[in-house]
Amino acid sequence: MKKKLLIHVAQKERWEVAAVNAINFLKAGQEGDTLRVRLVANADSVTRVCSCEPELFEKLRQVVLDGGEIYLCENAMAKFGVKKEGLADIFKTVPAGIMALVDMQAEGWIYVRP
């Protein structure tokens, strides 16, 4: 069965929970499952990605290594002064996080906000 999980990270304090949820989801698959997970971060959550603690960064890196994707809102990045050039290569961006959330749900992604 194909399962697509969309995790919305709207607060900088929620990154750890989001990362653990993503890792646990990807590990919980049954034989024959195709699991995909995306984290979409907007608002002040984007401020934490440039200087996140090594433990959190390793969790986020593990999400990507396990096949997940992490997207940051470019609008929020501009508002909080987060530069694309300073991002680690595990992060992707979208022009507007809110639009990405709507579009992904329209594509069948199941929305969760930890």
N, C-alpha and C. Protein backbone atom coordinates (compact mmCIF):
# COMPACT_ATOMS: atom_id res chain seq x y z
N MET A 1 0.84 -1.18 0.00
CA MET A 1 0.00 0.00 0.00
C MET A 1 0.89 1.24 0.00
N LYS A 2 0.51 2.23 -0.77
CA LYS A 2 1.25 3.48 -0.83
C LYS A 2 0.71 4.43 0.23
N LYS A 3 1.61 4.95 1.08
CA LYS A 3 1.23 5.88 2.14
C LYS A 3 2.14 7.09 2.07
N LYS A 4 1.51 8.28 2.07
CA LYS A 4 2.27 9.52 1.97
C LYS A 4 1.91 10.41 3.16
N LEU A 5 2.91 10.68 4.00
CA LEU A 5 2.71 11.46 5.22
C LEU A 5 3.33 12.85 5.04
N LEU A 6 2.55 13.87 5.33
CA LEU A 6 2.97 15.26 5.26
C LEU A 6 2.99 15.82 6.68
N ILE A 7 4.18 16.16 7.17
CA ILE A 7 4.33 16.69 8.52
C ILE A 7 4.60 18.19 8.43
N HIS A 8 3.74 18.97 9.06
CA HIS A 8 3.85 20.43 9.05
C HIS A 8 4.60 20.88 10.30
N VAL A 9 5.74 21.52 10.11
CA VAL A 9 6.53 22.04 11.23
C VAL A 9 6.33 23.56 11.24
N ALA A 10 5.48 24.03 12.13
CA ALA A 10 5.12 25.45 12.16
C ALA A 10 5.77 26.19 13.33
N GLN A 11 6.45 25.48 14.21
CA GLN A 11 7.09 26.10 15.36
C GLN A 11 8.49 25.51 15.53
N LYS A 12 9.46 26.36 15.82
CA LYS A 12 10.84 25.88 15.93
C LYS A 12 11.02 24.84 17.03
N GLU A 13 10.16 24.85 18.02
CA GLU A 13 10.25 23.89 19.12
C GLU A 13 9.78 22.49 18.72
N ARG A 14 9.15 22.35 17.55
CA ARG A 14 8.54 21.08 17.17
C ARG A 14 9.38 20.23 16.21
N TRP A 15 10.60 20.68 15.89
CA TRP A 15 11.45 19.93 14.97
C TRP A 15 11.75 18.52 15.46
N GLU A 16 12.10 18.37 16.74
CA GLU A 16 12.46 17.04 17.24
C GLU A 16 11.30 16.06 17.10
N VAL A 17 10.11 16.51 17.50
CA VAL A 17 8.94 15.65 17.41
C VAL A 17 8.66 15.29 15.95
N ALA A 18 8.75 16.27 15.07
CA ALA A 18 8.51 16.02 13.64
C ALA A 18 9.52 15.02 13.08
N ALA A 19 10.79 15.18 13.43
CA ALA A 19 11.82 14.27 12.92
C ALA A 19 11.60 12.85 13.43
N VAL A 20 11.30 12.71 14.70
CA VAL A 20 11.06 11.37 15.27
C VAL A 20 9.82 10.75 14.64
N ASN A 21 8.76 11.54 14.46
CA ASN A 21 7.56 11.01 13.79
C ASN A 21 7.90 10.50 12.39
N ALA A 22 8.68 11.26 11.65
CA ALA A 22 9.05 10.87 10.28
C ALA A 22 9.86 9.58 10.29
N ILE A 23 10.85 9.49 11.16
CA ILE A 23 11.70 8.30 11.25
C ILE A 23 10.86 7.08 11.64
N ASN A 24 10.00 7.24 12.64
CA ASN A 24 9.16 6.13 13.09
C ASN A 24 8.19 5.68 12.00
N PHE A 25 7.63 6.64 11.27
CA PHE A 25 6.72 6.30 10.16
C PHE A 25 7.45 5.46 9.12
N LEU A 26 8.63 5.88 8.73
CA LEU A 26 9.38 5.17 7.70
C LEU A 26 9.81 3.77 8.16
N LYS A 27 10.00 3.59 9.45
CA LYS A 27 10.39 2.28 10.00
C LYS A 27 9.19 1.35 10.18
N ALA A 28 7.99 1.90 10.22
CA ALA A 28 6.81 1.12 10.59
C ALA A 28 6.13 0.41 9.42
N GLY A 29 6.69 0.55 8.24
CA GLY A 29 6.05 -0.05 7.08
C GLY A 29 5.99 -1.56 7.13
N GLN A 30 4.97 -2.09 6.50
CA GLN A 30 4.78 -3.53 6.37
C GLN A 30 5.28 -3.97 5.00
N GLU A 31 5.47 -5.24 4.82
CA GLU A 31 5.91 -5.75 3.53
C GLU A 31 4.91 -5.33 2.45
N GLY A 32 5.44 -4.79 1.38
CA GLY A 32 4.59 -4.33 0.28
C GLY A 32 4.20 -2.87 0.36
N ASP A 33 4.48 -2.22 1.49
CA ASP A 33 4.17 -0.80 1.64
C ASP A 33 5.20 0.05 0.89
N THR A 34 4.73 1.14 0.34
CA THR A 34 5.60 2.18 -0.20
C THR A 34 5.35 3.41 0.66
N LEU A 35 6.34 3.79 1.45
CA LEU A 35 6.16 4.90 2.38
C LEU A 35 6.95 6.12 1.92
N ARG A 36 6.29 7.26 1.97
CA ARG A 36 6.96 8.53 1.67
C ARG A 36 6.59 9.52 2.76
N VAL A 37 7.55 10.37 3.09
CA VAL A 37 7.30 11.39 4.11
C VAL A 37 7.95 12.70 3.67
N ARG A 38 7.21 13.77 3.92
CA ARG A 38 7.71 15.12 3.67
C ARG A 38 7.46 15.97 4.89
N LEU A 39 8.46 16.76 5.28
CA LEU A 39 8.30 17.77 6.31
C LEU A 39 8.28 19.11 5.60
N VAL A 40 7.30 19.94 5.93
CA VAL A 40 7.21 21.29 5.37
C VAL A 40 7.25 22.26 6.55
N ALA A 41 8.25 23.13 6.54
CA ALA A 41 8.44 24.07 7.63
C ALA A 41 8.15 25.49 7.17
N ASN A 42 7.40 26.21 7.99
CA ASN A 42 7.16 27.63 7.73
C ASN A 42 7.19 28.37 9.05
N ALA A 43 6.79 29.63 9.01
CA ALA A 43 6.79 30.49 10.20
C ALA A 43 8.18 30.48 10.84
N ASP A 44 8.24 30.58 12.17
CA ASP A 44 9.56 30.71 12.82
C ASP A 44 10.36 29.41 12.85
N SER A 45 9.77 28.31 12.42
CA SER A 45 10.52 27.04 12.43
C SER A 45 11.73 27.10 11.49
N VAL A 46 11.68 27.95 10.46
CA VAL A 46 12.81 28.03 9.53
C VAL A 46 14.05 28.64 10.19
N THR A 47 13.88 29.34 11.30
CA THR A 47 15.02 29.98 11.95
C THR A 47 15.96 28.98 12.60
N ARG A 48 15.52 27.79 12.82
CA ARG A 48 16.32 26.82 13.56
C ARG A 48 17.20 25.95 12.67
N VAL A 49 17.01 25.97 11.38
CA VAL A 49 17.71 25.02 10.52
C VAL A 49 19.17 25.39 10.24
N CYS A 50 19.53 26.65 10.34
CA CYS A 50 20.91 27.04 10.06
C CYS A 50 21.84 26.75 11.24
N SER A 51 21.30 26.78 12.43
CA SER A 51 22.15 26.60 13.60
C SER A 51 21.58 25.54 14.54
N CYS A 52 20.98 24.50 13.96
CA CYS A 52 20.39 23.49 14.84
C CYS A 52 21.49 22.64 15.48
N GLU A 53 21.16 22.12 16.61
CA GLU A 53 22.09 21.32 17.39
C GLU A 53 22.46 20.05 16.60
N PRO A 54 23.66 19.53 16.83
CA PRO A 54 24.10 18.33 16.10
C PRO A 54 23.13 17.15 16.23
N GLU A 55 22.55 16.96 17.40
CA GLU A 55 21.62 15.84 17.60
C GLU A 55 20.38 15.99 16.71
N LEU A 56 19.83 17.19 16.64
CA LEU A 56 18.67 17.43 15.77
C LEU A 56 19.07 17.29 14.31
N PHE A 57 20.21 17.86 13.93
CA PHE A 57 20.64 17.76 12.54
C PHE A 57 20.78 16.30 12.12
N GLU A 58 21.32 15.46 12.99
CA GLU A 58 21.48 14.04 12.66
C GLU A 58 20.12 13.36 12.45
N LYS A 59 19.13 13.73 13.26
CA LYS A 59 17.79 13.18 13.07
C LYS A 59 17.21 13.62 11.73
N LEU A 60 17.38 14.89 11.39
CA LEU A 60 16.86 15.39 10.12
C LEU A 60 17.60 14.74 8.95
N ARG A 61 18.89 14.58 9.09
CA ARG A 61 19.68 13.91 8.05
C ARG A 61 19.21 12.47 7.88
N GLN A 62 18.87 11.82 8.99
CA GLN A 62 18.39 10.44 8.92
C GLN A 62 17.06 10.36 8.17
N VAL A 63 16.20 11.34 8.39
CA VAL A 63 14.93 11.38 7.65
C VAL A 63 15.22 11.35 6.14
N VAL A 64 16.15 12.19 5.71
CA VAL A 64 16.48 12.28 4.28
C VAL A 64 17.16 10.99 3.81
N LEU A 65 18.07 10.45 4.61
CA LEU A 65 18.74 9.19 4.24
C LEU A 65 17.75 8.05 4.10
N ASP A 66 16.68 8.09 4.90
CA ASP A 66 15.64 7.05 4.85
C ASP A 66 14.64 7.29 3.72
N GLY A 67 14.84 8.36 2.95
CA GLY A 67 13.97 8.62 1.80
C GLY A 67 13.01 9.78 1.96
N GLY A 68 13.04 10.45 3.09
CA GLY A 68 12.16 11.59 3.31
C GLY A 68 12.68 12.86 2.67
N GLU A 69 11.83 13.87 2.67
CA GLU A 69 12.19 15.17 2.12
C GLU A 69 11.82 16.26 3.12
N ILE A 70 12.63 17.31 3.16
CA ILE A 70 12.38 18.43 4.07
C ILE A 70 12.36 19.71 3.26
N TYR A 71 11.22 20.41 3.33
CA TYR A 71 11.03 21.64 2.58
C TYR A 71 10.89 22.83 3.53
N LEU A 72 11.52 23.94 3.17
CA LEU A 72 11.43 25.18 3.94
C LEU A 72 10.73 26.24 3.10
N CYS A 73 9.91 27.03 3.74
CA CYS A 73 9.16 28.10 3.08
C CYS A 73 10.08 29.29 2.80
N GLU A 74 10.19 29.66 1.53
CA GLU A 74 11.03 30.79 1.15
C GLU A 74 10.48 32.12 1.68
N ASN A 75 9.16 32.25 1.79
CA ASN A 75 8.58 33.47 2.37
C ASN A 75 9.03 33.64 3.82
N ALA A 76 8.96 32.57 4.59
CA ALA A 76 9.38 32.63 5.99
C ALA A 76 10.89 32.85 6.09
N MET A 77 11.63 32.22 5.20
CA MET A 77 13.09 32.42 5.20
C MET A 77 13.43 33.89 4.98
N ALA A 78 12.74 34.53 4.04
CA ALA A 78 12.98 35.95 3.77
C ALA A 78 12.60 36.80 4.98
N LYS A 79 11.47 36.48 5.60
CA LYS A 79 11.01 37.25 6.76
C LYS A 79 12.00 37.19 7.92
N PHE A 80 12.60 36.00 8.13
CA PHE A 80 13.50 35.81 9.27
C PHE A 80 14.98 35.89 8.89
N GLY A 81 15.28 36.26 7.65
CA GLY A 81 16.67 36.45 7.25
C GLY A 81 17.47 35.17 7.08
N VAL A 82 16.80 34.07 6.75
CA VAL A 82 17.49 32.80 6.53
C VAL A 82 17.86 32.72 5.05
N LYS A 83 19.14 32.59 4.76
CA LYS A 83 19.64 32.58 3.38
C LYS A 83 19.70 31.15 2.83
N LYS A 84 19.28 30.99 1.59
CA LYS A 84 19.36 29.69 0.92
C LYS A 84 20.80 29.17 0.89
N GLU A 85 21.73 30.07 0.68
CA GLU A 85 23.13 29.70 0.56
C GLU A 85 23.68 29.08 1.85
N GLY A 86 23.08 29.37 2.98
CA GLY A 86 23.55 28.85 4.25
C GLY A 86 22.93 27.52 4.65
N LEU A 87 22.06 26.98 3.80
CA LEU A 87 21.36 25.75 4.15
C LEU A 87 22.19 24.51 3.84
N ALA A 88 22.06 23.51 4.68
CA ALA A 88 22.67 22.21 4.41
C ALA A 88 21.92 21.58 3.24
N ASP A 89 22.57 20.67 2.54
CA ASP A 89 21.98 20.09 1.34
C ASP A 89 20.82 19.14 1.61
N ILE A 90 20.49 18.89 2.86
CA ILE A 90 19.32 18.05 3.16
C ILE A 90 18.02 18.82 3.01
N PHE A 91 18.11 20.15 2.92
CA PHE A 91 16.91 20.99 2.84
C PHE A 91 16.62 21.41 1.41
N LYS A 92 15.31 21.38 1.08
CA LYS A 92 14.81 21.93 -0.17
C LYS A 92 13.93 23.12 0.20
N THR A 93 13.56 23.91 -0.77
CA THR A 93 12.68 25.05 -0.47
C THR A 93 11.47 25.04 -1.39
N VAL A 94 10.44 25.71 -0.93
CA VAL A 94 9.23 25.97 -1.71
C VAL A 94 8.94 27.47 -1.59
N PRO A 95 8.38 28.08 -2.64
CA PRO A 95 8.11 29.52 -2.57
C PRO A 95 7.21 29.92 -1.40
N ALA A 96 6.15 29.16 -1.18
CA ALA A 96 5.19 29.48 -0.10
C ALA A 96 4.79 28.18 0.60
N GLY A 97 5.14 28.08 1.86
CA GLY A 97 4.85 26.86 2.62
C GLY A 97 3.37 26.53 2.66
N ILE A 98 2.54 27.54 2.83
CA ILE A 98 1.10 27.29 2.93
C ILE A 98 0.56 26.72 1.63
N MET A 99 1.04 27.21 0.50
CA MET A 99 0.59 26.68 -0.79
C MET A 99 1.09 25.25 -0.98
N ALA A 100 2.32 24.99 -0.57
CA ALA A 100 2.86 23.63 -0.67
C ALA A 100 2.02 22.66 0.16
N LEU A 101 1.61 23.07 1.35
CA LEU A 101 0.78 22.22 2.20
C LEU A 101 -0.55 21.90 1.52
N VAL A 102 -1.17 22.90 0.94
CA VAL A 102 -2.45 22.71 0.25
C VAL A 102 -2.27 21.81 -0.97
N ASP A 103 -1.25 22.10 -1.78
CA ASP A 103 -1.01 21.31 -2.99
C ASP A 103 -0.72 19.85 -2.66
N MET A 104 0.10 19.62 -1.66
CA MET A 104 0.45 18.24 -1.30
C MET A 104 -0.76 17.47 -0.78
N GLN A 105 -1.61 18.14 -0.01
CA GLN A 105 -2.82 17.47 0.46
C GLN A 105 -3.74 17.15 -0.72
N ALA A 106 -3.80 18.03 -1.69
CA ALA A 106 -4.62 17.78 -2.88
C ALA A 106 -4.08 16.60 -3.68
N GLU A 107 -2.77 16.32 -3.53
CA GLU A 107 -2.13 15.18 -4.20
C GLU A 107 -2.23 13.89 -3.39
N GLY A 108 -2.94 13.94 -2.26
CA GLY A 108 -3.16 12.74 -1.47
C GLY A 108 -2.24 12.54 -0.28
N TRP A 109 -1.43 13.54 0.05
CA TRP A 109 -0.59 13.45 1.22
C TRP A 109 -1.46 13.63 2.47
N ILE A 110 -1.22 12.82 3.49
CA ILE A 110 -1.98 12.91 4.76
C ILE A 110 -1.27 13.88 5.69
N TYR A 111 -1.99 14.91 6.12
CA TYR A 111 -1.45 16.02 6.91
C TYR A 111 -1.43 15.68 8.40
N VAL A 112 -0.28 15.95 9.03
CA VAL A 112 -0.12 15.83 10.49
C VAL A 112 0.66 17.05 10.96
N ARG A 113 0.24 17.60 12.08
CA ARG A 113 1.00 18.70 12.69
C ARG A 113 1.34 18.30 14.12
N PRO A 114 2.60 17.95 14.34
CA PRO A 114 2.99 17.50 15.70
C PRO A 114 3.05 18.65 16.68
